[in-house]
Amino acid sequence: MTVQPNEITEVLNRPLSQELLARDLTRLAYVAKDGTPRTVPIAFTWNGAEIVLCTTKNAPKLPALRANPAVALTIDTEVHPPKILLIRGRAELDVVDGIPEEYLQMNGSYEMTPEQRVEWEAEVRSLYDGMVRIVVTPTWAKLIDFETTLPSAVEELIQQREERQRSR
């Protein structure tokens, strides 16, 4: 299925999508080196065009992403009905010295006192001599709110039910 960039932008610019893109965690799905699927929760930030995730330079996901950069992301809520933003794209890996500013930003909303924040940042700076920025440019996006948008399989079932009711 080919999705035009303007269609992706329209989905990502919706108020609910913007709300979800401001959350702390996404689930990153990728294919591991052994060919099996993996999904990991990971902090992220949205810069208006890309989703940026940061990880250690020795993270097991990096060789897998170098071999197969296709990824899927899920950002959702824990309420009923759930709000879900599904994104697909390609991961580009950017090895950087020090701590990327995005890493500090994406961890800024955790509840920490100012003192805890200073301690956390000092610990991070002492632990990492560098990190890898995983940059995902969306190539597909779908917002599901269970009020105005539904999973495609549910939409199909509703259509089939309506056709059955019309034929009676």
C-alpha atoms as a PDB file:
ATOM      1  CA  MET A   1       0.000   0.000   0.000  1.00  0.00           C
ATOM      2  CA  THR A   2       1.505   3.312  -1.093  1.00  0.00           C
ATOM      3  CA  VAL A   3       0.789   6.268   1.128  1.00  0.00           C
ATOM      4  CA  GLN A   4       1.455   9.799  -0.063  1.00  0.00           C
ATOM      5  CA  PRO A   5       3.545  12.095   2.187  1.00  0.00           C
ATOM      6  CA  ASN A   6       0.644  14.557   2.485  1.00  0.00           C
ATOM      7  CA  GLU A   7      -1.580  11.728   3.814  1.00  0.00           C
ATOM      8  CA  ILE A   8       1.020  10.892   6.484  1.00  0.00           C
ATOM      9  CA  THR A   9       1.332  14.581   7.411  1.00  0.00           C
ATOM     10  CA  GLU A  10      -2.458  14.893   7.685  1.00  0.00           C
ATOM     11  CA  VAL A  11      -2.626  11.939  10.111  1.00  0.00           C
ATOM     12  CA  LEU A  12       0.340  13.143  12.190  1.00  0.00           C
ATOM     13  CA  ASN A  13      -0.973  16.721  12.393  1.00  0.00           C
ATOM     14  CA  ARG A  14      -4.321  15.728  13.905  1.00  0.00           C
ATOM     15  CA  PRO A  15      -4.686  17.023  17.479  1.00  0.00           C
ATOM     16  CA  LEU A  16      -4.928  13.502  18.925  1.00  0.00           C
ATOM     17  CA  SER A  17      -1.806  12.405  17.015  1.00  0.00           C
ATOM     18  CA  GLN A  18       0.057  15.447  18.348  1.00  0.00           C
ATOM     19  CA  GLU A  19      -1.055  14.490  21.860  1.00  0.00           C
ATOM     20  CA  LEU A  20       0.248  10.958  21.395  1.00  0.00           C
ATOM     21  CA  LEU A  21       3.510  12.203  19.835  1.00  0.00           C
ATOM     22  CA  ALA A  22       4.087  14.205  23.043  1.00  0.00           C
ATOM     23  CA  ARG A  23       4.049  11.053  25.199  1.00  0.00           C
ATOM     24  CA  ASP A  24       7.172   9.491  26.716  1.00  0.00           C
ATOM     25  CA  LEU A  25       7.208   5.950  25.366  1.00  0.00           C
ATOM     26  CA  THR A  26       6.668   4.121  22.137  1.00  0.00           C
ATOM     27  CA  ARG A  27       6.995   0.445  21.322  1.00  0.00           C
ATOM     28  CA  LEU A  28       9.598  -0.163  18.652  1.00  0.00           C
ATOM     29  CA  ALA A  29       9.077  -3.291  16.541  1.00  0.00           C
ATOM     30  CA  TYR A  30      11.853  -4.681  14.364  1.00  0.00           C
ATOM     31  CA  VAL A  31      13.225  -7.981  13.076  1.00  0.00           C
ATOM     32  CA  ALA A  32      16.081  -9.358  15.196  1.00  0.00           C
ATOM     33  CA  LYS A  33      19.255 -10.825  13.681  1.00  0.00           C
ATOM     34  CA  ASP A  34      17.845 -14.342  14.201  1.00  0.00           C
ATOM     35  CA  GLY A  35      14.819 -13.438  12.055  1.00  0.00           C
ATOM     36  CA  THR A  36      12.321 -13.334  14.910  1.00  0.00           C
ATOM     37  CA  PRO A  37      10.208 -10.253  15.729  1.00  0.00           C
ATOM     38  CA  ARG A  38      11.025  -7.999  18.655  1.00  0.00           C
ATOM     39  CA  THR A  39       9.110  -5.198  20.328  1.00  0.00           C
ATOM     40  CA  VAL A  40      10.763  -2.998  22.928  1.00  0.00           C
ATOM     41  CA  PRO A  41       9.448  -0.029  24.866  1.00  0.00           C
ATOM     42  CA  ILE A  42      11.707   2.966  24.322  1.00  0.00           C
ATOM     43  CA  ALA A  43      11.621   6.679  25.072  1.00  0.00           C
ATOM     44  CA  PHE A  44      11.261   8.988  22.082  1.00  0.00           C
ATOM     45  CA  THR A  45      10.826  12.542  20.967  1.00  0.00           C
ATOM     46  CA  TRP A  46       9.027  13.946  17.920  1.00  0.00           C
ATOM     47  CA  ASN A  47      10.735  16.860  16.184  1.00  0.00           C
ATOM     48  CA  GLY A  48       7.895  17.614  13.800  1.00  0.00           C
ATOM     49  CA  ALA A  49       9.247  15.453  10.971  1.00  0.00           C
ATOM     50  CA  GLU A  50      10.972  12.478  12.588  1.00  0.00           C
ATOM     51  CA  ILE A  51      10.776  10.306  15.652  1.00  0.00           C
ATOM     52  CA  VAL A  52      14.107  10.220  17.455  1.00  0.00           C
ATOM     53  CA  LEU A  53      14.995   7.383  19.816  1.00  0.00           C
ATOM     54  CA  CYS A  54      18.364   7.086  21.570  1.00  0.00           C
ATOM     55  CA  THR A  55      20.132   3.956  22.754  1.00  0.00           C
ATOM     56  CA  THR A  56      23.480   2.660  23.938  1.00  0.00           C
ATOM     57  CA  LYS A  57      26.177   1.996  21.360  1.00  0.00           C
ATOM     58  CA  ASN A  58      26.175  -1.702  22.353  1.00  0.00           C
ATOM     59  CA  ALA A  59      22.388  -2.248  22.178  1.00  0.00           C
ATOM     60  CA  PRO A  60      21.452  -5.634  20.633  1.00  0.00           C
ATOM     61  CA  LYS A  61      18.888  -3.950  18.360  1.00  0.00           C
ATOM     62  CA  LEU A  62      21.542  -1.996  16.441  1.00  0.00           C
ATOM     63  CA  PRO A  63      22.996  -4.859  14.333  1.00  0.00           C
ATOM     64  CA  ALA A  64      19.426  -5.930  13.526  1.00  0.00           C
ATOM     65  CA  LEU A  65      18.463  -2.392  12.453  1.00  0.00           C
ATOM     66  CA  ARG A  66      21.585  -2.126  10.312  1.00  0.00           C
ATOM     67  CA  ALA A  67      20.633  -5.384   8.572  1.00  0.00           C
ATOM     68  CA  ASN A  68      16.941  -4.527   8.223  1.00  0.00           C
ATOM     69  CA  PRO A  69      15.984  -0.902   8.961  1.00  0.00           C
ATOM     70  CA  ALA A  70      12.217  -1.445   8.565  1.00  0.00           C
ATOM     71  CA  VAL A  71      10.463  -0.601  11.838  1.00  0.00           C
ATOM     72  CA  ALA A  72       6.998  -0.076  13.255  1.00  0.00           C
ATOM     73  CA  LEU A  73       6.088   2.106  16.224  1.00  0.00           C
ATOM     74  CA  THR A  74       3.010   2.067  18.446  1.00  0.00           C
ATOM     75  CA  ILE A  75       2.148   4.968  20.735  1.00  0.00           C
ATOM     76  CA  ASP A  76      -1.010   4.442  22.753  1.00  0.00           C
ATOM     77  CA  THR A  77      -2.971   5.278  25.860  1.00  0.00           C
ATOM     78  CA  GLU A  78      -4.054   3.164  28.819  1.00  0.00           C
ATOM     79  CA  VAL A  79      -7.690   4.285  28.848  1.00  0.00           C
ATOM     80  CA  HIS A  80     -10.881   2.999  27.261  1.00  0.00           C
ATOM     81  CA  PRO A  81     -11.395   3.429  24.448  1.00  0.00           C
ATOM     82  CA  PRO A  82      -7.672   3.340  23.658  1.00  0.00           C
ATOM     83  CA  LYS A  83      -6.109   5.941  21.419  1.00  0.00           C
ATOM     84  CA  ILE A  84      -3.460   4.409  19.155  1.00  0.00           C
ATOM     85  CA  LEU A  85      -0.994   5.916  16.713  1.00  0.00           C
ATOM     86  CA  LEU A  86       0.645   3.380  14.411  1.00  0.00           C
ATOM     87  CA  ILE A  87       3.701   4.443  12.411  1.00  0.00           C
ATOM     88  CA  ARG A  88       5.946   2.591   9.992  1.00  0.00           C
ATOM     89  CA  GLY A  89       9.267   3.801   8.653  1.00  0.00           C
ATOM     90  CA  ARG A  90      12.954   3.144   8.193  1.00  0.00           C
ATOM     91  CA  ALA A  91      15.492   3.550  10.968  1.00  0.00           C
ATOM     92  CA  GLU A  92      18.591   5.596  10.248  1.00  0.00           C
ATOM     93  CA  LEU A  93      21.367   5.181  12.799  1.00  0.00           C
ATOM     94  CA  ASP A  94      23.492   8.129  13.828  1.00  0.00           C
ATOM     95  CA  VAL A  95      26.369   7.437  16.251  1.00  0.00           C
ATOM     96  CA  VAL A  96      27.121  10.531  18.313  1.00  0.00           C
ATOM     97  CA  ASP A  97      29.705  11.503  20.905  1.00  0.00           C
ATOM     98  CA  GLY A  98      28.294  12.393  24.289  1.00  0.00           C
ATOM     99  CA  ILE A  99      24.610  12.526  25.155  1.00  0.00           C
ATOM    100  CA  PRO A 100      22.216  13.688  22.420  1.00  0.00           C
ATOM    101  CA  GLU A 101      20.024  16.605  23.461  1.00  0.00           C
ATOM    102  CA  GLU A 102      16.983  14.543  22.398  1.00  0.00           C
ATOM    103  CA  TYR A 103      17.841  11.934  25.046  1.00  0.00           C
ATOM    104  CA  LEU A 104      17.762  14.559  27.758  1.00  0.00           C
ATOM    105  CA  GLN A 105      14.506  15.995  26.344  1.00  0.00           C
ATOM    106  CA  MET A 106      12.714  12.663  26.048  1.00  0.00           C
ATOM    107  CA  ASN A 107      13.447  11.881  29.658  1.00  0.00           C
ATOM    108  CA  GLY A 108      12.381  15.319  30.850  1.00  0.00           C
ATOM    109  CA  SER A 109       8.793  14.487  31.648  1.00  0.00           C
ATOM    110  CA  TYR A 110       9.501  11.740  34.171  1.00  0.00           C
ATOM    111  CA  GLU A 111       8.568  12.842  37.643  1.00  0.00           C
ATOM    112  CA  MET A 112      11.836  13.878  39.254  1.00  0.00           C
ATOM    113  CA  THR A 113      12.649  16.543  41.758  1.00  0.00           C
ATOM    114  CA  PRO A 114      15.199  19.090  40.518  1.00  0.00           C
ATOM    115  CA  GLU A 115      17.798  17.338  42.718  1.00  0.00           C
ATOM    116  CA  GLN A 116      16.938  13.917  41.242  1.00  0.00           C
ATOM    117  CA  ARG A 117      17.189  15.407  37.750  1.00  0.00           C
ATOM    118  CA  VAL A 118      20.704  16.738  38.454  1.00  0.00           C
ATOM    119  CA  GLU A 119      21.767  13.346  39.847  1.00  0.00           C
ATOM    120  CA  TRP A 120      20.214  11.459  36.914  1.00  0.00           C
ATOM    121  CA  GLU A 121      21.884  13.665  34.320  1.00  0.00           C
ATOM    122  CA  ALA A 122      25.281  13.379  36.079  1.00  0.00           C
ATOM    123  CA  GLU A 123      24.903   9.576  36.108  1.00  0.00           C
ATOM    124  CA  VAL A 124      23.972   9.500  32.411  1.00  0.00           C
ATOM    125  CA  ARG A 125      26.929  11.718  31.471  1.00  0.00           C
ATOM    126  CA  SER A 126      29.336   9.518  33.478  1.00  0.00           C
ATOM    127  CA  LEU A 127      28.010   6.278  31.980  1.00  0.00           C
ATOM    128  CA  TYR A 128      27.787   7.043  28.247  1.00  0.00           C
ATOM    129  CA  ASP A 129      30.686   8.291  26.138  1.00  0.00           C
ATOM    130  CA  GLY A 130      28.290   8.340  23.220  1.00  0.00           C
ATOM    131  CA  MET A 131      24.948   7.041  22.040  1.00  0.00           C
ATOM    132  CA  VAL A 132      23.152   6.092  18.865  1.00  0.00           C
ATOM    133  CA  ARG A 133      20.279   8.217  17.633  1.00  0.00           C
ATOM    134  CA  ILE A 134      17.693   6.064  15.860  1.00  0.00           C
ATOM    135  CA  VAL A 135      15.864   8.422  13.512  1.00  0.00           C
ATOM    136  CA  VAL A 136      12.590   7.214  11.992  1.00  0.00           C
ATOM    137  CA  THR A 137      10.940   9.179   9.207  1.00  0.00           C
ATOM    138  CA  PRO A 138       7.328   7.994   8.931  1.00  0.00           C
ATOM    139  CA  THR A 139       6.424   6.288   5.641  1.00  0.00           C
ATOM    140  CA  TRP A 140       2.940   5.241   6.857  1.00  0.00           C
ATOM    141  CA  ALA A 141       0.716   6.347   9.728  1.00  0.00           C
ATOM    142  CA  LYS A 142      -2.723   5.481  11.085  1.00  0.00           C
ATOM    143  CA  LEU A 143      -4.585   6.951  14.019  1.00  0.00           C
ATOM    144  CA  ILE A 144      -7.193   4.775  15.747  1.00  0.00           C
ATOM    145  CA  ASP A 145      -9.475   6.378  18.331  1.00  0.00           C
ATOM    146  CA  PHE A 146     -12.385   3.864  18.255  1.00  0.00           C
ATOM    147  CA  GLU A 147     -14.774   6.783  17.822  1.00  0.00           C
ATOM    148  CA  THR A 148     -14.008   8.240  14.382  1.00  0.00           C
ATOM    149  CA  THR A 149     -11.398   5.705  13.235  1.00  0.00           C
ATOM    150  CA  LEU A 150     -11.212   1.953  13.713  1.00  0.00           C
ATOM    151  CA  PRO A 151      -8.809  -0.852  12.846  1.00  0.00           C
ATOM    152  CA  SER A 152      -9.312  -1.799   9.182  1.00  0.00           C
ATOM    153  CA  ALA A 153     -10.488  -5.335  10.094  1.00  0.00           C
ATOM    154  CA  VAL A 154     -13.234  -3.876  12.329  1.00  0.00           C
ATOM    155  CA  GLU A 155     -14.236  -1.423   9.576  1.00  0.00           C
ATOM    156  CA  GLU A 156     -14.539  -4.405   7.232  1.00  0.00           C
ATOM    157  CA  LEU A 157     -16.754  -6.288   9.690  1.00  0.00           C
ATOM    158  CA  ILE A 158     -19.024  -3.247  10.097  1.00  0.00           C
ATOM    159  CA  GLN A 159     -19.363  -2.977   6.329  1.00  0.00           C
ATOM    160  CA  GLN A 160     -20.208  -6.691   6.053  1.00  0.00           C
ATOM    161  CA  ARG A 161     -22.820  -6.349   8.812  1.00  0.00           C
ATOM    162  CA  GLU A 162     -24.404  -3.379   7.014  1.00  0.00           C
ATOM    163  CA  GLU A 163     -24.513  -5.350   3.756  1.00  0.00           C
ATOM    164  CA  ARG A 164     -26.173  -8.290   5.536  1.00  0.00           C
ATOM    165  CA  GLN A 165     -28.755  -5.985   7.079  1.00  0.00           C
ATOM    166  CA  ARG A 166     -29.513  -4.328   3.721  1.00  0.00           C
ATOM    167  CA  SER A 167     -30.034  -7.688   2.021  1.00  0.00           C
ATOM    168  CA  ARG A 168     -32.690  -8.810   4.525  1.00  0.00           C
END
